[in-house]
Amino acid sequence: MAMRRAAVAWAAALVISCGLLALPLVALAATSAVNIQNSAFAPPTITVRVGDTVTWTNRDAFSHTSTSDTGAWDSHVVTAGSSFSFMFASAGTFAYHCAIHSFMHGTIVVQAVSTPTPQPTPPPTPLPTPVRTAPPTIAVTVPPTLGPTDEPTAAPTATASPTTAAVETLVAASQSPVAVQVTPPPTSSGALNPILIGAAALAVVALGAIAFFVARRS
């Protein structure tokens, strides 16, 4: 059963593939008609392309044929109201006649399907060459030249005034000693007191924190 299903599937795939391959030919092919009427082929000459089909239809009340002069095709007897079709697979000029009425002649001109000529690919457009602009010239400003500086004039030497000289003479002549009060320098103990107080306070805070932590752990 499985083998039969596989065979059916393969056959269906083959038919579909053949149909797809034949689609371009069907799309490009055309059908031209020739009437057999009044014991003549109308039109007597037609032009088709390779792959086109020509159909002869008998419009007379009696029979005719469409027979190639070279034996390429032969419709045999085409009765009144019947038709015959033939597909031309090669290019060329094909003359034909009616085998029943020898005076009836026609011609089929088959042209080859023209292949479009490939157009050359245009060359790429060259990119424009960038224009280099010279950088602007920066003007150099020369600083002004400083002129010679006048040397400063030396200040006059101060001369001792007469009043100062008299005071110095009186001091030198005085026989009484001058009492000098010596102020003892401040001791360093007063500057260390705030530092000691701060250290003591910090130690108290640290001890309190340690005691609080131990109390919580216990």
C-alpha atoms as a PDB file:
ATOM      1  CA  MET A   1       0.000   0.000   0.000  1.00  0.00           C
ATOM      2  CA  ALA A   2       2.855   2.359   0.871  1.00  0.00           C
ATOM      3  CA  MET A   3       4.620   1.534  -2.418  1.00  0.00           C
ATOM      4  CA  ARG A   4       1.448   2.340  -4.359  1.00  0.00           C
ATOM      5  CA  ARG A   5       1.066   5.704  -2.609  1.00  0.00           C
ATOM      6  CA  ALA A   6       4.709   6.553  -3.325  1.00  0.00           C
ATOM      7  CA  ALA A   7       4.266   5.649  -6.997  1.00  0.00           C
ATOM      8  CA  VAL A   8       1.144   7.829  -7.235  1.00  0.00           C
ATOM      9  CA  ALA A   9       2.979  10.732  -5.597  1.00  0.00           C
ATOM     10  CA  TRP A  10       5.926  10.402  -8.000  1.00  0.00           C
ATOM     11  CA  ALA A  11       3.559  10.277 -10.997  1.00  0.00           C
ATOM     12  CA  ALA A  12       1.706  13.391  -9.800  1.00  0.00           C
ATOM     13  CA  ALA A  13       4.997  15.232  -9.278  1.00  0.00           C
ATOM     14  CA  LEU A  14       6.140  14.273 -12.786  1.00  0.00           C
ATOM     15  CA  VAL A  15       2.902  15.509 -14.364  1.00  0.00           C
ATOM     16  CA  ILE A  16       3.081  18.793 -12.475  1.00  0.00           C
ATOM     17  CA  SER A  17       6.727  19.285 -13.471  1.00  0.00           C
ATOM     18  CA  CYS A  18       5.947  18.684 -17.142  1.00  0.00           C
ATOM     19  CA  GLY A  19       3.061  21.127 -16.939  1.00  0.00           C
ATOM     20  CA  LEU A  20       5.261  23.799 -15.404  1.00  0.00           C
ATOM     21  CA  LEU A  21       7.911  23.280 -18.072  1.00  0.00           C
ATOM     22  CA  ALA A  22       5.303  23.592 -20.812  1.00  0.00           C
ATOM     23  CA  LEU A  23       3.806  26.818 -19.433  1.00  0.00           C
ATOM     24  CA  PRO A  24       6.313  29.120 -21.190  1.00  0.00           C
ATOM     25  CA  LEU A  25       5.689  27.414 -24.514  1.00  0.00           C
ATOM     26  CA  VAL A  26       1.936  27.726 -24.073  1.00  0.00           C
ATOM     27  CA  ALA A  27       2.244  31.372 -23.096  1.00  0.00           C
ATOM     28  CA  LEU A  28       4.425  32.221 -26.097  1.00  0.00           C
ATOM     29  CA  ALA A  29       2.592  30.057 -28.664  1.00  0.00           C
ATOM     30  CA  ALA A  30      -0.249  31.443 -30.798  1.00  0.00           C
ATOM     31  CA  THR A  31      -2.867  29.982 -33.099  1.00  0.00           C
ATOM     32  CA  SER A  32      -3.527  31.224 -36.637  1.00  0.00           C
ATOM     33  CA  ALA A  33      -6.634  30.354 -38.603  1.00  0.00           C
ATOM     34  CA  VAL A  34      -6.982  29.461 -42.297  1.00  0.00           C
ATOM     35  CA  ASN A  35     -10.435  29.058 -43.791  1.00  0.00           C
ATOM     36  CA  ILE A  36     -11.090  26.622 -46.622  1.00  0.00           C
ATOM     37  CA  GLN A  37     -13.889  28.318 -48.518  1.00  0.00           C
ATOM     38  CA  ASN A  38     -14.976  28.564 -52.132  1.00  0.00           C
ATOM     39  CA  SER A  39     -12.316  25.968 -52.949  1.00  0.00           C
ATOM     40  CA  ALA A  40      -9.464  28.193 -51.783  1.00  0.00           C
ATOM     41  CA  PHE A  41      -7.291  28.711 -48.727  1.00  0.00           C
ATOM     42  CA  ALA A  42      -7.995  32.087 -47.143  1.00  0.00           C
ATOM     43  CA  PRO A  43      -5.630  33.711 -46.621  1.00  0.00           C
ATOM     44  CA  PRO A  44      -3.399  31.861 -49.065  1.00  0.00           C
ATOM     45  CA  THR A  45      -0.204  32.906 -47.258  1.00  0.00           C
ATOM     46  CA  ILE A  46       0.228  33.514 -43.524  1.00  0.00           C
ATOM     47  CA  THR A  47       3.263  34.185 -41.348  1.00  0.00           C
ATOM     48  CA  VAL A  48       3.685  32.584 -37.932  1.00  0.00           C
ATOM     49  CA  ARG A  49       6.492  31.941 -35.445  1.00  0.00           C
ATOM     50  CA  VAL A  50       8.143  28.749 -34.320  1.00  0.00           C
ATOM     51  CA  GLY A  51       5.830  27.052 -31.828  1.00  0.00           C
ATOM     52  CA  ASP A  52       2.644  28.542 -33.335  1.00  0.00           C
ATOM     53  CA  THR A  53      -0.259  26.417 -34.473  1.00  0.00           C
ATOM     54  CA  VAL A  54      -2.235  26.762 -37.729  1.00  0.00           C
ATOM     55  CA  THR A  55      -5.826  25.572 -37.813  1.00  0.00           C
ATOM     56  CA  TRP A  56      -7.613  24.899 -41.127  1.00  0.00           C
ATOM     57  CA  THR A  57     -11.429  24.967 -40.992  1.00  0.00           C
ATOM     58  CA  ASN A  58     -13.509  23.651 -43.920  1.00  0.00           C
ATOM     59  CA  ARG A  59     -16.289  26.160 -44.649  1.00  0.00           C
ATOM     60  CA  ASP A  60     -17.354  24.457 -47.894  1.00  0.00           C
ATOM     61  CA  ALA A  61     -20.094  21.882 -48.243  1.00  0.00           C
ATOM     62  CA  PHE A  62     -17.655  19.249 -49.516  1.00  0.00           C
ATOM     63  CA  SER A  63     -14.376  17.784 -48.280  1.00  0.00           C
ATOM     64  CA  HIS A  64     -10.815  19.123 -48.683  1.00  0.00           C
ATOM     65  CA  THR A  65      -7.317  18.378 -47.361  1.00  0.00           C
ATOM     66  CA  SER A  66      -4.319  20.324 -46.126  1.00  0.00           C
ATOM     67  CA  THR A  67      -1.282  18.455 -47.382  1.00  0.00           C
ATOM     68  CA  SER A  68       2.347  19.669 -47.259  1.00  0.00           C
ATOM     69  CA  ASP A  69       4.247  19.643 -50.561  1.00  0.00           C
ATOM     70  CA  THR A  70       7.227  18.072 -48.735  1.00  0.00           C
ATOM     71  CA  GLY A  71       5.176  15.670 -46.613  1.00  0.00           C
ATOM     72  CA  ALA A  72       5.657  17.642 -43.359  1.00  0.00           C
ATOM     73  CA  TRP A  73       1.954  17.199 -42.525  1.00  0.00           C
ATOM     74  CA  ASP A  74      -1.200  15.749 -44.060  1.00  0.00           C
ATOM     75  CA  SER A  75      -4.675  16.345 -42.736  1.00  0.00           C
ATOM     76  CA  HIS A  76      -6.207  13.628 -44.877  1.00  0.00           C
ATOM     77  CA  VAL A  77      -9.896  14.286 -45.571  1.00  0.00           C
ATOM     78  CA  VAL A  78     -11.385  17.282 -43.751  1.00  0.00           C
ATOM     79  CA  THR A  79     -15.140  17.056 -44.042  1.00  0.00           C
ATOM     80  CA  ALA A  80     -17.493  20.035 -44.193  1.00  0.00           C
ATOM     81  CA  GLY A  81     -17.463  21.948 -40.907  1.00  0.00           C
ATOM     82  CA  SER A  82     -14.435  20.071 -39.550  1.00  0.00           C
ATOM     83  CA  SER A  83     -10.985  21.443 -38.634  1.00  0.00           C
ATOM     84  CA  PHE A  84      -7.352  20.334 -38.676  1.00  0.00           C
ATOM     85  CA  SER A  85      -4.455  21.838 -36.668  1.00  0.00           C
ATOM     86  CA  PHE A  86      -0.702  21.530 -36.990  1.00  0.00           C
ATOM     87  CA  MET A  87       2.057  23.018 -34.801  1.00  0.00           C
ATOM     88  CA  PHE A  88       5.206  24.249 -36.588  1.00  0.00           C
ATOM     89  CA  ALA A  89       8.342  23.437 -34.595  1.00  0.00           C
ATOM     90  CA  SER A  90      10.955  24.742 -37.063  1.00  0.00           C
ATOM     91  CA  ALA A  91      11.429  27.875 -39.112  1.00  0.00           C
ATOM     92  CA  GLY A  92      11.060  27.926 -42.885  1.00  0.00           C
ATOM     93  CA  THR A  93       8.610  28.398 -45.744  1.00  0.00           C
ATOM     94  CA  PHE A  94       6.149  25.544 -46.197  1.00  0.00           C
ATOM     95  CA  ALA A  95       3.982  25.193 -49.329  1.00  0.00           C
ATOM     96  CA  TYR A  96       0.884  23.011 -49.210  1.00  0.00           C
ATOM     97  CA  HIS A  97      -2.082  22.024 -51.355  1.00  0.00           C
ATOM     98  CA  CYS A  98      -5.403  20.176 -51.348  1.00  0.00           C
ATOM     99  CA  ALA A  99      -4.956  16.547 -52.366  1.00  0.00           C
ATOM    100  CA  ILE A 100      -8.545  16.429 -53.622  1.00  0.00           C
ATOM    101  CA  HIS A 101      -8.409  19.688 -55.614  1.00  0.00           C
ATOM    102  CA  SER A 102      -4.903  20.107 -57.075  1.00  0.00           C
ATOM    103  CA  PHE A 103      -5.465  23.763 -58.045  1.00  0.00           C
ATOM    104  CA  MET A 104      -5.770  24.802 -54.385  1.00  0.00           C
ATOM    105  CA  HIS A 105      -2.416  26.008 -52.964  1.00  0.00           C
ATOM    106  CA  GLY A 106      -1.237  27.880 -49.852  1.00  0.00           C
ATOM    107  CA  THR A 107       1.961  28.860 -48.064  1.00  0.00           C
ATOM    108  CA  ILE A 108       2.957  29.002 -44.390  1.00  0.00           C
ATOM    109  CA  VAL A 109       5.970  31.175 -43.487  1.00  0.00           C
ATOM    110  CA  VAL A 110       7.431  30.224 -40.101  1.00  0.00           C
ATOM    111  CA  GLN A 111       9.841  32.700 -38.491  1.00  0.00           C
ATOM    112  CA  ALA A 112      12.313  31.881 -35.762  1.00  0.00           C
ATOM    113  CA  VAL A 113      11.686  33.349 -32.336  1.00  0.00           C
ATOM    114  CA  SER A 114      14.031  36.292 -32.004  1.00  0.00           C
ATOM    115  CA  THR A 115      16.223  36.392 -28.900  1.00  0.00           C
ATOM    116  CA  PRO A 116      16.541  39.853 -27.409  1.00  0.00           C
ATOM    117  CA  THR A 117      20.039  41.216 -27.760  1.00  0.00           C
ATOM    118  CA  PRO A 118      21.603  41.765 -24.362  1.00  0.00           C
ATOM    119  CA  GLN A 119      22.298  45.390 -23.728  1.00  0.00           C
ATOM    120  CA  PRO A 120      25.824  46.253 -22.603  1.00  0.00           C
ATOM    121  CA  THR A 121      26.138  47.287 -19.011  1.00  0.00           C
ATOM    122  CA  PRO A 122      26.934  50.991 -18.819  1.00  0.00           C
ATOM    123  CA  PRO A 123      30.244  51.742 -17.111  1.00  0.00           C
ATOM    124  CA  PRO A 124      30.013  53.131 -13.609  1.00  0.00           C
ATOM    125  CA  THR A 125      29.946  56.884 -13.334  1.00  0.00           C
ATOM    126  CA  PRO A 126      33.296  58.125 -12.012  1.00  0.00           C
ATOM    127  CA  LEU A 127      33.161  59.955  -8.735  1.00  0.00           C
ATOM    128  CA  PRO A 128      33.938  63.688  -8.892  1.00  0.00           C
ATOM    129  CA  THR A 129      37.473  64.591  -7.864  1.00  0.00           C
ATOM    130  CA  PRO A 130      37.406  66.603  -4.644  1.00  0.00           C
ATOM    131  CA  VAL A 131      38.819  70.129  -5.004  1.00  0.00           C
ATOM    132  CA  ARG A 132      41.381  70.929  -2.369  1.00  0.00           C
ATOM    133  CA  THR A 133      41.158  74.478  -1.053  1.00  0.00           C
ATOM    134  CA  ALA A 134      44.316  76.114   0.280  1.00  0.00           C
ATOM    135  CA  PRO A 135      44.072  76.919   4.001  1.00  0.00           C
ATOM    136  CA  PRO A 136      43.626  80.600   4.837  1.00  0.00           C
ATOM    137  CA  THR A 137      46.796  82.539   5.603  1.00  0.00           C
ATOM    138  CA  ILE A 138      46.933  83.701   9.205  1.00  0.00           C
ATOM    139  CA  ALA A 139      48.436  87.173   9.600  1.00  0.00           C
ATOM    140  CA  VAL A 140      51.098  87.312  12.305  1.00  0.00           C
ATOM    141  CA  THR A 141      50.745  90.364  14.538  1.00  0.00           C
ATOM    142  CA  VAL A 142      54.115  91.774  15.708  1.00  0.00           C
ATOM    143  CA  PRO A 143      53.944  92.934  19.323  1.00  0.00           C
ATOM    144  CA  PRO A 144      54.902  96.574  19.834  1.00  0.00           C
ATOM    145  CA  THR A 145      58.515  97.234  20.802  1.00  0.00           C
ATOM    146  CA  LEU A 146      58.841  98.552  24.300  1.00  0.00           C
ATOM    147  CA  GLY A 147      60.939 101.706  24.640  1.00  0.00           C
ATOM    148  CA  PRO A 148      63.756 102.064  27.153  1.00  0.00           C
ATOM    149  CA  THR A 149      62.503 102.419  30.679  1.00  0.00           C
ATOM    150  CA  ASP A 150      63.782 105.330  32.693  1.00  0.00           C
ATOM    151  CA  GLU A 151      65.855 104.230  35.636  1.00  0.00           C
ATOM    152  CA  PRO A 152      64.272 105.085  38.987  1.00  0.00           C
ATOM    153  CA  THR A 153      65.794 107.975  40.757  1.00  0.00           C
ATOM    154  CA  ALA A 154      67.407 107.004  44.029  1.00  0.00           C
ATOM    155  CA  ALA A 155      65.547 108.314  47.024  1.00  0.00           C
ATOM    156  CA  PRO A 156      67.474 110.864  49.062  1.00  0.00           C
ATOM    157  CA  THR A 157      69.102 109.587  52.218  1.00  0.00           C
ATOM    158  CA  ALA A 158      67.260 110.590  55.314  1.00  0.00           C
ATOM    159  CA  THR A 159      69.190 112.955  57.544  1.00  0.00           C
ATOM    160  CA  ALA A 160      68.852 112.778  61.288  1.00  0.00           C
ATOM    161  CA  SER A 161      66.786 115.648  62.611  1.00  0.00           C
ATOM    162  CA  PRO A 162      68.083 117.910  65.373  1.00  0.00           C
ATOM    163  CA  THR A 163      65.347 116.800  67.738  1.00  0.00           C
ATOM    164  CA  THR A 164      66.395 113.146  67.509  1.00  0.00           C
ATOM    165  CA  ALA A 165      70.053 114.059  68.195  1.00  0.00           C
ATOM    166  CA  ALA A 166      69.107 116.017  71.316  1.00  0.00           C
ATOM    167  CA  VAL A 167      67.058 113.121  72.705  1.00  0.00           C
ATOM    168  CA  GLU A 168      69.931 110.685  72.165  1.00  0.00           C
ATOM    169  CA  THR A 169      72.296 113.082  74.008  1.00  0.00           C
ATOM    170  CA  LEU A 170      69.952 113.308  76.997  1.00  0.00           C
ATOM    171  CA  VAL A 171      69.615 109.505  77.199  1.00  0.00           C
ATOM    172  CA  ALA A 172      73.376 109.026  77.104  1.00  0.00           C
ATOM    173  CA  ALA A 173      73.920 111.635  79.796  1.00  0.00           C
ATOM    174  CA  SER A 174      71.359 110.132  82.183  1.00  0.00           C
ATOM    175  CA  GLN A 175      72.987 108.228  85.136  1.00  0.00           C
ATOM    176  CA  SER A 176      69.775 106.517  86.437  1.00  0.00           C
ATOM    177  CA  PRO A 177      69.228 102.927  85.454  1.00  0.00           C
ATOM    178  CA  VAL A 178      66.138 101.978  83.466  1.00  0.00           C
ATOM    179  CA  ALA A 179      64.016  99.212  84.942  1.00  0.00           C
ATOM    180  CA  VAL A 180      63.132  96.585  82.382  1.00  0.00           C
ATOM    181  CA  GLN A 181      60.105  94.407  83.065  1.00  0.00           C
ATOM    182  CA  VAL A 182      60.581  90.932  81.741  1.00  0.00           C
ATOM    183  CA  THR A 183      57.332  89.237  81.015  1.00  0.00           C
ATOM    184  CA  PRO A 184      57.657  85.473  81.399  1.00  0.00           C
ATOM    185  CA  PRO A 185      56.553  83.488  78.302  1.00  0.00           C
ATOM    186  CA  PRO A 186      53.276  81.675  78.571  1.00  0.00           C
ATOM    187  CA  THR A 187      53.522  78.122  79.678  1.00  0.00           C
ATOM    188  CA  SER A 188      52.531  75.360  77.308  1.00  0.00           C
ATOM    189  CA  SER A 189      50.271  73.695  79.845  1.00  0.00           C
ATOM    190  CA  GLY A 190      47.476  76.121  79.116  1.00  0.00           C
ATOM    191  CA  ALA A 191      47.448  75.183  75.399  1.00  0.00           C
ATOM    192  CA  LEU A 192      47.324  71.445  76.115  1.00  0.00           C
ATOM    193  CA  ASN A 193      44.299  71.570  78.389  1.00  0.00           C
ATOM    194  CA  PRO A 194      41.641  71.560  75.589  1.00  0.00           C
ATOM    195  CA  ILE A 195      43.386  68.630  73.829  1.00  0.00           C
ATOM    196  CA  LEU A 196      43.452  66.555  76.988  1.00  0.00           C
ATOM    197  CA  ILE A 197      39.802  67.301  77.642  1.00  0.00           C
ATOM    198  CA  GLY A 198      38.795  66.218  74.111  1.00  0.00           C
ATOM    199  CA  ALA A 199      40.811  62.967  74.365  1.00  0.00           C
ATOM    200  CA  ALA A 200      39.180  62.124  77.679  1.00  0.00           C
ATOM    201  CA  ALA A 201      35.699  62.734  76.249  1.00  0.00           C
ATOM    202  CA  LEU A 202      36.466  60.529  73.217  1.00  0.00           C
ATOM    203  CA  ALA A 203      37.689  57.729  75.493  1.00  0.00           C
ATOM    204  CA  VAL A 204      34.485  57.921  77.550  1.00  0.00           C
ATOM    205  CA  VAL A 205      32.326  57.712  74.398  1.00  0.00           C
ATOM    206  CA  ALA A 206      34.341  54.731  73.089  1.00  0.00           C
ATOM    207  CA  LEU A 207      34.037  52.865  76.399  1.00  0.00           C
ATOM    208  CA  GLY A 208      30.295  53.532  76.444  1.00  0.00           C
ATOM    209  CA  ALA A 209      29.908  52.184  72.901  1.00  0.00           C
ATOM    210  CA  ILE A 210      31.896  49.020  73.739  1.00  0.00           C
ATOM    211  CA  ALA A 211      29.773  48.465  76.852  1.00  0.00           C
ATOM    212  CA  PHE A 212      26.544  48.891  74.846  1.00  0.00           C
ATOM    213  CA  PHE A 213      27.717  46.413  72.172  1.00  0.00           C
ATOM    214  CA  VAL A 214      28.723  43.798  74.796  1.00  0.00           C
ATOM    215  CA  ALA A 215      25.373  44.233  76.553  1.00  0.00           C
ATOM    216  CA  ARG A 216      23.456  43.595  73.314  1.00  0.00           C
ATOM    217  CA  ARG A 217      25.531  40.491  72.492  1.00  0.00           C
ATOM    218  CA  SER A 218      24.858  38.997  75.910  1.00  0.00           C
END
